[in-house]
């Protein structure tokens, strides 16, 4: 499995794959811990409905990538994650 990811992501070693997976893990946990404080800023727990959850996901989307770049930098994989973020956002552009 690590070799598959190494080839897919054009990484040099299995350890680099483990570090990239660790960065994704740290980012996911950070976003998970930020959910409640962010939603609390928008509305009280009793007042929330699907609209507030949708607003949260719209707001957290760019924040996720900023956190991803931060952890990528901390773990020495900023080049990989900068390319990953650019590739992800390029998919949202309209094709001519």
N, C-alpha and C. Protein backbone atom coordinates (compact mmCIF):
# COMPACT_ATOMS: atom_id res chain seq x y z
N UNK A 1 0.82 -1.19 0.00
CA UNK A 1 0.00 0.00 0.00
C UNK A 1 0.87 1.27 0.00
N UNK A 2 1.93 1.25 0.81
CA UNK A 2 2.82 2.42 0.84
C UNK A 2 3.47 2.64 -0.52
N UNK A 3 3.84 1.55 -1.19
CA UNK A 3 4.46 1.69 -2.51
C UNK A 3 3.49 2.26 -3.53
N UNK A 4 2.22 1.88 -3.42
CA UNK A 4 1.20 2.42 -4.31
C UNK A 4 1.08 3.94 -4.13
N UNK A 5 1.02 4.38 -2.88
CA UNK A 5 0.93 5.81 -2.59
C UNK A 5 2.21 6.54 -3.00
N UNK A 6 3.34 5.90 -2.77
CA UNK A 6 4.63 6.50 -3.13
C UNK A 6 4.66 6.77 -4.64
N UNK A 7 4.22 5.81 -5.42
CA UNK A 7 4.20 5.99 -6.88
C UNK A 7 3.16 6.99 -7.32
N UNK A 8 2.00 6.95 -6.71
CA UNK A 8 0.91 7.87 -7.09
C UNK A 8 1.28 9.33 -6.79
N UNK A 9 1.92 9.55 -5.64
CA UNK A 9 2.26 10.90 -5.23
C UNK A 9 3.68 11.31 -5.64
N UNK A 10 4.38 10.45 -6.34
CA UNK A 10 5.77 10.72 -6.77
C UNK A 10 6.68 11.07 -5.59
N UNK A 11 6.62 10.25 -4.56
CA UNK A 11 7.47 10.46 -3.39
C UNK A 11 8.68 9.54 -3.48
N UNK A 12 9.71 9.86 -2.72
CA UNK A 12 10.98 9.14 -2.83
C UNK A 12 11.10 7.94 -1.91
N UNK A 13 10.40 7.94 -0.78
CA UNK A 13 10.57 6.84 0.16
C UNK A 13 9.26 6.53 0.89
N UNK A 14 9.25 5.38 1.51
CA UNK A 14 8.10 4.99 2.32
C UNK A 14 7.91 5.90 3.52
N UNK A 15 9.04 6.39 4.07
CA UNK A 15 8.95 7.30 5.21
C UNK A 15 8.28 8.61 4.81
N UNK A 16 8.55 9.06 3.60
CA UNK A 16 7.92 10.29 3.13
C UNK A 16 6.40 10.09 3.02
N UNK A 17 5.97 8.91 2.59
CA UNK A 17 4.54 8.59 2.53
C UNK A 17 3.94 8.63 3.94
N UNK A 18 4.64 8.06 4.90
CA UNK A 18 4.16 8.06 6.28
C UNK A 18 4.04 9.49 6.80
N UNK A 19 5.01 10.34 6.49
CA UNK A 19 4.96 11.74 6.93
C UNK A 19 3.78 12.46 6.29
N UNK A 20 3.55 12.23 4.99
CA UNK A 20 2.42 12.86 4.31
C UNK A 20 1.11 12.41 4.94
N UNK A 21 0.98 11.13 5.22
CA UNK A 21 -0.23 10.64 5.88
C UNK A 21 -0.40 11.23 7.27
N UNK A 22 0.72 11.42 7.98
CA UNK A 22 0.68 12.04 9.30
C UNK A 22 0.20 13.50 9.20
N UNK A 23 0.64 14.21 8.18
CA UNK A 23 0.20 15.59 7.97
C UNK A 23 -1.31 15.63 7.71
N UNK A 24 -1.80 14.73 6.87
CA UNK A 24 -3.25 14.67 6.63
C UNK A 24 -4.00 14.35 7.92
N UNK A 25 -3.45 13.47 8.73
CA UNK A 25 -4.07 13.11 10.00
C UNK A 25 -4.12 14.30 10.95
N UNK A 26 -3.01 14.99 11.10
CA UNK A 26 -2.96 16.16 11.99
C UNK A 26 -3.93 17.25 11.53
N UNK A 27 -4.00 17.45 10.23
CA UNK A 27 -4.92 18.45 9.68
C UNK A 27 -6.36 18.07 9.96
N UNK A 28 -6.69 16.81 9.75
CA UNK A 28 -8.05 16.35 10.02
C UNK A 28 -8.45 16.51 11.47
N UNK A 29 -7.55 16.15 12.38
CA UNK A 29 -7.85 16.31 13.81
C UNK A 29 -7.99 17.77 14.18
N UNK A 30 -7.15 18.63 13.63
CA UNK A 30 -7.24 20.06 13.93
C UNK A 30 -8.58 20.62 13.47
N UNK A 31 -8.99 20.27 12.27
CA UNK A 31 -10.27 20.74 11.75
C UNK A 31 -11.42 20.20 12.61
N UNK A 32 -11.30 18.96 13.03
CA UNK A 32 -12.33 18.36 13.88
C UNK A 32 -12.46 19.12 15.21
N UNK A 33 -11.32 19.50 15.78
CA UNK A 33 -11.36 20.23 17.05
C UNK A 33 -11.81 21.67 16.87
N UNK A 34 -11.68 22.23 15.67
CA UNK A 34 -12.11 23.60 15.41
C UNK A 34 -13.61 23.70 15.14
N UNK A 35 -14.25 22.59 14.82
CA UNK A 35 -15.66 22.63 14.41
C UNK A 35 -16.55 23.26 15.47
N UNK A 36 -16.50 22.78 16.68
CA UNK A 36 -17.39 23.29 17.72
C UNK A 36 -17.15 24.78 18.02
N UNK A 37 -15.91 25.24 18.19
CA UNK A 37 -15.72 26.68 18.43
C UNK A 37 -16.20 27.55 17.27
N UNK A 38 -16.00 27.09 16.04
CA UNK A 38 -16.45 27.87 14.89
C UNK A 38 -17.98 27.92 14.84
N UNK A 39 -18.62 26.77 15.03
CA UNK A 39 -20.08 26.76 15.03
C UNK A 39 -20.65 27.56 16.19
N UNK A 40 -19.95 27.60 17.32
CA UNK A 40 -20.42 28.39 18.46
C UNK A 40 -20.40 29.87 18.16
N UNK A 41 -19.48 30.30 17.31
CA UNK A 41 -19.44 31.71 16.90
C UNK A 41 -20.64 32.06 16.03
N UNK A 42 -21.11 31.08 15.27
CA UNK A 42 -22.22 31.33 14.34
C UNK A 42 -23.56 31.28 15.06
N UNK A 43 -23.77 30.24 15.90
CA UNK A 43 -25.06 30.10 16.59
C UNK A 43 -24.91 29.17 17.79
N UNK A 44 -25.84 29.31 18.71
CA UNK A 44 -25.86 28.42 19.88
C UNK A 44 -26.23 27.01 19.43
N UNK A 45 -25.83 26.02 20.21
CA UNK A 45 -26.05 24.62 19.85
C UNK A 45 -27.53 24.31 19.58
N UNK A 46 -28.41 24.90 20.36
CA UNK A 46 -29.84 24.63 20.21
C UNK A 46 -30.41 25.22 18.93
N UNK A 47 -29.80 26.28 18.41
CA UNK A 47 -30.31 26.99 17.23
C UNK A 47 -29.77 26.46 15.91
N UNK A 48 -28.86 25.53 15.95
CA UNK A 48 -28.22 25.06 14.72
C UNK A 48 -29.13 24.11 13.95
N UNK A 49 -29.04 24.23 12.65
CA UNK A 49 -29.72 23.30 11.76
C UNK A 49 -28.79 23.01 10.58
N UNK A 50 -29.30 22.43 9.54
CA UNK A 50 -28.47 22.05 8.40
C UNK A 50 -27.82 23.25 7.73
N UNK A 51 -28.44 24.41 7.83
CA UNK A 51 -27.87 25.62 7.21
C UNK A 51 -26.56 25.99 7.88
N UNK A 52 -26.51 25.90 9.21
CA UNK A 52 -25.28 26.25 9.93
C UNK A 52 -24.17 25.25 9.65
N UNK A 53 -24.53 23.99 9.49
CA UNK A 53 -23.53 22.99 9.15
C UNK A 53 -22.98 23.25 7.75
N UNK A 54 -23.85 23.63 6.83
CA UNK A 54 -23.41 23.96 5.47
C UNK A 54 -22.48 25.17 5.48
N UNK A 55 -22.84 26.18 6.25
CA UNK A 55 -21.99 27.37 6.37
C UNK A 55 -20.62 26.99 6.93
N UNK A 56 -20.62 26.10 7.92
CA UNK A 56 -19.36 25.64 8.50
C UNK A 56 -18.47 25.00 7.43
N UNK A 57 -19.03 24.12 6.63
CA UNK A 57 -18.23 23.44 5.61
C UNK A 57 -17.71 24.41 4.55
N UNK A 58 -18.49 25.42 4.23
CA UNK A 58 -18.02 26.43 3.29
C UNK A 58 -16.87 27.24 3.90
N UNK A 59 -17.00 27.58 5.18
CA UNK A 59 -15.95 28.36 5.85
C UNK A 59 -14.68 27.54 6.11
N UNK A 60 -14.83 26.26 6.43
CA UNK A 60 -13.68 25.46 6.81
C UNK A 60 -12.87 25.01 5.60
N UNK A 61 -13.47 25.00 4.43
CA UNK A 61 -12.78 24.52 3.24
C UNK A 61 -11.44 25.24 3.00
N UNK A 62 -11.41 26.58 2.91
CA UNK A 62 -10.10 27.23 2.73
C UNK A 62 -9.20 27.13 3.97
N UNK A 63 -9.81 27.10 5.13
CA UNK A 63 -9.04 26.97 6.37
C UNK A 63 -8.32 25.63 6.42
N UNK A 64 -8.98 24.58 5.93
CA UNK A 64 -8.37 23.25 5.88
C UNK A 64 -7.06 23.29 5.11
N UNK A 65 -7.06 23.95 3.97
CA UNK A 65 -5.86 23.99 3.14
C UNK A 65 -4.76 24.84 3.76
N UNK A 66 -5.13 25.88 4.47
CA UNK A 66 -4.13 26.68 5.19
C UNK A 66 -3.48 25.84 6.29
N UNK A 67 -4.30 25.10 7.02
CA UNK A 67 -3.77 24.23 8.07
C UNK A 67 -2.91 23.13 7.46
N UNK A 68 -3.34 22.59 6.32
CA UNK A 68 -2.58 21.56 5.63
C UNK A 68 -1.20 22.08 5.23
N UNK A 69 -1.14 23.29 4.70
CA UNK A 69 0.15 23.89 4.34
C UNK A 69 1.01 24.14 5.57
N UNK A 70 0.38 24.56 6.67
CA UNK A 70 1.11 24.79 7.92
C UNK A 70 1.77 23.51 8.40
N UNK A 71 0.99 22.43 8.51
CA UNK A 71 1.57 21.16 8.96
C UNK A 71 2.57 20.62 7.95
N UNK A 72 2.31 20.82 6.67
CA UNK A 72 3.27 20.40 5.65
C UNK A 72 4.61 21.08 5.84
N UNK A 73 4.57 22.36 6.17
CA UNK A 73 5.80 23.12 6.43
C UNK A 73 6.50 22.59 7.69
N UNK A 74 5.73 22.37 8.75
CA UNK A 74 6.28 21.88 10.02
C UNK A 74 6.98 20.53 9.83
N UNK A 75 6.38 19.65 9.03
CA UNK A 75 6.94 18.32 8.82
C UNK A 75 7.90 18.24 7.63
N UNK A 76 8.24 19.38 7.05
CA UNK A 76 9.23 19.41 5.97
C UNK A 76 8.72 18.91 4.63
N UNK A 77 7.43 18.97 4.42
CA UNK A 77 6.84 18.50 3.15
C UNK A 77 6.08 19.63 2.45
N UNK A 78 6.56 20.85 2.61
CA UNK A 78 5.84 21.99 2.05
C UNK A 78 5.75 21.93 0.53
N UNK A 79 6.77 21.43 -0.13
CA UNK A 79 6.75 21.35 -1.60
C UNK A 79 5.62 20.43 -2.06
N UNK A 80 5.50 19.27 -1.44
CA UNK A 80 4.45 18.32 -1.80
C UNK A 80 3.07 18.93 -1.58
N UNK A 81 2.85 19.54 -0.42
CA UNK A 81 1.52 20.05 -0.09
C UNK A 81 1.17 21.32 -0.85
N UNK A 82 2.15 22.12 -1.20
CA UNK A 82 1.88 23.28 -2.04
C UNK A 82 1.38 22.80 -3.41
N UNK A 83 2.04 21.79 -3.95
CA UNK A 83 1.59 21.21 -5.21
C UNK A 83 0.22 20.57 -5.09
N UNK A 84 -0.03 19.91 -3.96
CA UNK A 84 -1.32 19.27 -3.71
C UNK A 84 -2.44 20.31 -3.67
N UNK A 85 -2.21 21.42 -2.97
CA UNK A 85 -3.22 22.47 -2.86
C UNK A 85 -3.45 23.12 -4.22
N UNK A 86 -2.39 23.41 -4.95
CA UNK A 86 -2.53 24.00 -6.29
C UNK A 86 -3.32 23.09 -7.20
N UNK A 87 -3.02 21.80 -7.16
CA UNK A 87 -3.72 20.83 -8.00
C UNK A 87 -5.20 20.75 -7.62
N UNK A 88 -5.49 20.79 -6.33
CA UNK A 88 -6.87 20.72 -5.87
C UNK A 88 -7.65 21.94 -6.34
N UNK A 89 -7.10 23.13 -6.17
CA UNK A 89 -7.81 24.34 -6.56
C UNK A 89 -7.90 24.48 -8.08
N UNK A 90 -6.95 23.91 -8.80
CA UNK A 90 -7.02 23.99 -10.26
C UNK A 90 -8.19 23.16 -10.78
N UNK A 91 -8.63 22.18 -10.04
CA UNK A 91 -9.79 21.38 -10.44
C UNK A 91 -11.09 22.17 -10.37
N UNK A 92 -11.11 23.25 -9.63
CA UNK A 92 -12.32 24.06 -9.51
C UNK A 92 -12.44 25.10 -10.62
N UNK A 93 -11.35 25.33 -11.33
CA UNK A 93 -11.40 26.29 -12.42
C UNK A 93 -12.19 25.71 -13.58
N UNK A 94 -12.83 26.57 -14.31
CA UNK A 94 -13.57 26.11 -15.48
C UNK A 94 -12.62 25.71 -16.59
N UNK A 95 -12.98 24.63 -17.22
CA UNK A 95 -12.20 24.19 -18.37
C UNK A 95 -12.71 24.88 -19.61
N UNK A 96 -11.77 25.27 -20.46
CA UNK A 96 -12.16 26.00 -21.69
C UNK A 96 -12.48 25.02 -22.79
